[in-house]
Amino acid sequence: MKIHKVIACVFIGHKFDKPSIVNTICRNNWLKECSRCGLYVMHGEFGSVPMTKRGAYKVKREFEEKFPYSKLGKEQT
């Protein structure tokens, strides 16, 4: 995490260049890494939640346990 760039993200907003690390059915729900500050942001119906890489991959693991379809790689979809 780049502390000095987190301040920019607070005022300007996060910048997402990479796809979501979680495969969801609804495109409005995603978990992406900010390319500016390095934090991960989980977005859903009720808003967005910033989190660390460790927290993001914990959420990803728990999501894949609850929803086995999400483990399918892009080559199988």
N, C-alpha and C. Protein backbone atom coordinates (compact mmCIF):
# COMPACT_ATOMS: atom_id res chain seq x y z
N MET A 1 0.85 -1.17 0.00
CA MET A 1 0.00 0.00 0.00
C MET A 1 0.89 1.24 0.00
N LYS A 2 0.57 2.17 -0.85
CA LYS A 2 1.33 3.41 -0.97
C LYS A 2 0.59 4.50 -0.20
N ILE A 3 1.04 4.77 1.03
CA ILE A 3 0.36 5.69 1.94
C ILE A 3 0.14 7.06 1.30
N HIS A 4 1.15 7.62 0.68
CA HIS A 4 1.02 8.96 0.11
C HIS A 4 0.01 8.99 -1.04
N LYS A 5 -0.22 7.87 -1.70
CA LYS A 5 -1.18 7.84 -2.80
C LYS A 5 -2.60 7.55 -2.32
N VAL A 6 -2.73 7.02 -1.10
CA VAL A 6 -4.06 6.80 -0.53
C VAL A 6 -4.79 8.12 -0.39
N ILE A 7 -4.06 9.16 -0.04
CA ILE A 7 -4.66 10.49 0.11
C ILE A 7 -5.25 10.96 -1.22
N ALA A 8 -4.53 10.71 -2.30
CA ALA A 8 -5.05 11.09 -3.62
C ALA A 8 -6.31 10.30 -3.94
N CYS A 9 -6.34 9.03 -3.60
CA CYS A 9 -7.51 8.20 -3.87
C CYS A 9 -8.72 8.65 -3.05
N VAL A 10 -8.48 9.18 -1.86
CA VAL A 10 -9.58 9.66 -1.03
C VAL A 10 -10.28 10.84 -1.71
N PHE A 11 -9.49 11.72 -2.29
CA PHE A 11 -10.07 12.92 -2.91
C PHE A 11 -10.48 12.71 -4.37
N ILE A 12 -9.68 11.99 -5.13
CA ILE A 12 -9.93 11.81 -6.56
C ILE A 12 -10.76 10.57 -6.84
N GLY A 13 -10.49 9.51 -6.11
CA GLY A 13 -11.14 8.22 -6.35
C GLY A 13 -10.12 7.18 -6.78
N HIS A 14 -10.46 5.93 -6.58
CA HIS A 14 -9.55 4.84 -6.94
C HIS A 14 -9.52 4.66 -8.45
N LYS A 15 -8.42 4.08 -8.91
CA LYS A 15 -8.22 3.83 -10.35
C LYS A 15 -8.06 2.33 -10.54
N PHE A 16 -8.94 1.73 -11.36
CA PHE A 16 -8.94 0.28 -11.55
C PHE A 16 -8.56 -0.06 -12.98
N ASP A 17 -7.43 -0.74 -13.14
CA ASP A 17 -6.97 -1.16 -14.46
C ASP A 17 -7.10 -2.67 -14.65
N LYS A 18 -7.12 -3.42 -13.57
CA LYS A 18 -7.16 -4.88 -13.63
C LYS A 18 -8.59 -5.37 -13.42
N PRO A 19 -8.90 -6.57 -13.92
CA PRO A 19 -10.24 -7.13 -13.71
C PRO A 19 -10.42 -7.59 -12.25
N SER A 20 -11.65 -7.89 -11.90
CA SER A 20 -11.99 -8.35 -10.55
C SER A 20 -11.31 -9.69 -10.26
N ILE A 21 -10.90 -9.89 -9.01
CA ILE A 21 -10.28 -11.17 -8.63
C ILE A 21 -11.34 -12.19 -8.23
N VAL A 22 -12.61 -11.77 -8.17
CA VAL A 22 -13.71 -12.66 -7.82
C VAL A 22 -14.65 -12.76 -9.01
N ASN A 23 -15.03 -13.98 -9.36
CA ASN A 23 -15.92 -14.22 -10.49
C ASN A 23 -17.36 -14.26 -9.98
N THR A 24 -18.09 -13.16 -10.15
CA THR A 24 -19.48 -13.08 -9.70
C THR A 24 -20.42 -13.08 -10.89
N ILE A 25 -21.69 -13.40 -10.64
CA ILE A 25 -22.69 -13.38 -11.70
C ILE A 25 -23.04 -11.94 -12.05
N CYS A 26 -23.27 -11.12 -11.05
CA CYS A 26 -23.65 -9.72 -11.25
C CYS A 26 -22.39 -8.87 -11.48
N ARG A 27 -22.36 -8.14 -12.56
CA ARG A 27 -21.19 -7.31 -12.88
C ARG A 27 -21.04 -6.11 -11.96
N ASN A 28 -22.07 -5.79 -11.18
CA ASN A 28 -22.01 -4.68 -10.24
C ASN A 28 -21.24 -5.06 -8.97
N ASN A 29 -21.06 -6.34 -8.71
CA ASN A 29 -20.33 -6.82 -7.54
C ASN A 29 -18.93 -7.25 -7.99
N TRP A 30 -17.92 -6.61 -7.43
CA TRP A 30 -16.55 -6.94 -7.81
C TRP A 30 -15.58 -6.64 -6.67
N LEU A 31 -14.38 -7.16 -6.84
CA LEU A 31 -13.29 -6.96 -5.88
C LEU A 31 -12.03 -6.70 -6.71
N LYS A 32 -11.61 -5.43 -6.77
CA LYS A 32 -10.49 -5.04 -7.63
C LYS A 32 -9.41 -4.33 -6.84
N GLU A 33 -8.20 -4.37 -7.41
CA GLU A 33 -7.06 -3.66 -6.81
C GLU A 33 -6.93 -2.28 -7.46
N CYS A 34 -6.74 -1.27 -6.64
CA CYS A 34 -6.51 0.08 -7.14
C CYS A 34 -5.07 0.15 -7.65
N SER A 35 -4.90 0.57 -8.89
CA SER A 35 -3.55 0.64 -9.46
C SER A 35 -2.77 1.84 -8.93
N ARG A 36 -3.44 2.78 -8.30
CA ARG A 36 -2.75 3.96 -7.76
C ARG A 36 -2.20 3.70 -6.36
N CYS A 37 -3.06 3.25 -5.43
CA CYS A 37 -2.62 3.12 -4.03
C CYS A 37 -2.36 1.68 -3.60
N GLY A 38 -2.85 0.70 -4.34
CA GLY A 38 -2.59 -0.69 -4.00
C GLY A 38 -3.62 -1.33 -3.10
N LEU A 39 -4.59 -0.56 -2.60
CA LEU A 39 -5.66 -1.14 -1.79
C LEU A 39 -6.63 -1.89 -2.68
N TYR A 40 -7.32 -2.86 -2.11
CA TYR A 40 -8.37 -3.56 -2.82
C TYR A 40 -9.70 -2.94 -2.41
N VAL A 41 -10.63 -2.87 -3.35
CA VAL A 41 -11.94 -2.29 -3.08
C VAL A 41 -13.00 -3.32 -3.47
N MET A 42 -13.87 -3.64 -2.50
CA MET A 42 -14.98 -4.54 -2.74
C MET A 42 -16.22 -3.69 -2.97
N HIS A 43 -16.87 -3.85 -4.11
CA HIS A 43 -18.03 -3.04 -4.47
C HIS A 43 -19.25 -3.94 -4.57
N GLY A 44 -20.35 -3.46 -4.04
CA GLY A 44 -21.60 -4.21 -4.10
C GLY A 44 -22.79 -3.29 -4.14
N GLU A 45 -23.95 -3.83 -3.83
CA GLU A 45 -25.19 -3.06 -3.89
C GLU A 45 -25.21 -1.89 -2.91
N PHE A 46 -24.57 -2.04 -1.78
CA PHE A 46 -24.66 -1.05 -0.71
C PHE A 46 -23.47 -0.10 -0.65
N GLY A 47 -22.55 -0.19 -1.58
CA GLY A 47 -21.40 0.71 -1.58
C GLY A 47 -20.09 -0.03 -1.75
N SER A 48 -19.02 0.65 -1.39
CA SER A 48 -17.67 0.10 -1.56
C SER A 48 -16.95 0.04 -0.22
N VAL A 49 -16.08 -0.98 -0.09
CA VAL A 49 -15.31 -1.16 1.13
C VAL A 49 -13.84 -1.37 0.75
N PRO A 50 -12.94 -0.47 1.18
CA PRO A 50 -11.51 -0.69 0.90
C PRO A 50 -10.94 -1.71 1.89
N MET A 51 -9.98 -2.49 1.41
CA MET A 51 -9.35 -3.50 2.27
C MET A 51 -7.94 -3.80 1.80
N THR A 52 -7.19 -4.45 2.65
CA THR A 52 -5.82 -4.82 2.32
C THR A 52 -5.81 -6.05 1.42
N LYS A 53 -4.65 -6.38 0.89
CA LYS A 53 -4.51 -7.56 0.03
C LYS A 53 -4.86 -8.84 0.81
N ARG A 54 -4.41 -8.91 2.05
CA ARG A 54 -4.70 -10.08 2.87
C ARG A 54 -6.21 -10.25 3.08
N GLY A 55 -6.88 -9.17 3.40
CA GLY A 55 -8.33 -9.22 3.59
C GLY A 55 -9.06 -9.56 2.31
N ALA A 56 -8.59 -9.02 1.18
CA ALA A 56 -9.23 -9.28 -0.11
C ALA A 56 -9.13 -10.76 -0.49
N TYR A 57 -7.97 -11.35 -0.29
CA TYR A 57 -7.83 -12.76 -0.65
C TYR A 57 -8.54 -13.68 0.34
N LYS A 58 -8.75 -13.22 1.55
CA LYS A 58 -9.57 -13.99 2.50
C LYS A 58 -11.03 -13.97 2.04
N VAL A 59 -11.52 -12.82 1.62
CA VAL A 59 -12.88 -12.72 1.10
C VAL A 59 -13.02 -13.58 -0.15
N LYS A 60 -12.03 -13.54 -1.03
CA LYS A 60 -12.04 -14.35 -2.26
C LYS A 60 -12.13 -15.84 -1.92
N ARG A 61 -11.32 -16.29 -0.96
CA ARG A 61 -11.32 -17.70 -0.57
C ARG A 61 -12.69 -18.10 -0.01
N GLU A 62 -13.25 -17.27 0.88
CA GLU A 62 -14.54 -17.57 1.48
C GLU A 62 -15.65 -17.56 0.43
N PHE A 63 -15.58 -16.64 -0.52
CA PHE A 63 -16.58 -16.57 -1.58
C PHE A 63 -16.53 -17.82 -2.44
N GLU A 64 -15.33 -18.28 -2.77
CA GLU A 64 -15.20 -19.48 -3.60
C GLU A 64 -15.66 -20.74 -2.88
N GLU A 65 -15.55 -20.76 -1.54
CA GLU A 65 -16.06 -21.90 -0.77
C GLU A 65 -17.58 -21.92 -0.80
N LYS A 66 -18.21 -20.76 -0.68
CA LYS A 66 -19.67 -20.67 -0.65
C LYS A 66 -20.30 -20.83 -2.02
N PHE A 67 -19.61 -20.35 -3.06
CA PHE A 67 -20.14 -20.39 -4.42
C PHE A 67 -19.13 -21.08 -5.33
N PRO A 68 -19.23 -22.41 -5.44
CA PRO A 68 -18.23 -23.17 -6.22
C PRO A 68 -18.14 -22.78 -7.69
N TYR A 69 -19.21 -22.22 -8.25
CA TYR A 69 -19.16 -21.83 -9.67
C TYR A 69 -18.09 -20.76 -9.91
N SER A 70 -17.75 -20.00 -8.88
CA SER A 70 -16.81 -18.90 -9.05
C SER A 70 -15.37 -19.38 -9.25
N LYS A 71 -15.09 -20.64 -8.99
CA LYS A 71 -13.75 -21.18 -9.18
C LYS A 71 -13.44 -21.43 -10.65
N LEU A 72 -14.46 -21.45 -11.49
CA LEU A 72 -14.24 -21.71 -12.91
C LEU A 72 -13.34 -20.65 -13.49
N GLY A 73 -12.33 -21.10 -14.17
CA GLY A 73 -11.42 -20.16 -14.81
C GLY A 73 -12.06 -19.54 -16.03
N LYS A 74 -11.48 -18.48 -16.52
CA LYS A 74 -12.04 -17.79 -17.68
C LYS A 74 -12.01 -18.68 -18.92
N GLU A 75 -11.12 -19.67 -18.94
CA GLU A 75 -11.06 -20.56 -20.08
C GLU A 75 -12.24 -21.52 -20.10
N GLN A 76 -12.92 -21.71 -18.98
CA GLN A 76 -14.07 -22.62 -18.91
C GLN A 76 -15.40 -21.89 -19.01
N THR A 77 -15.41 -20.58 -18.97
CA THR A 77 -16.68 -19.85 -19.01
C THR A 77 -17.02 -19.42 -20.41
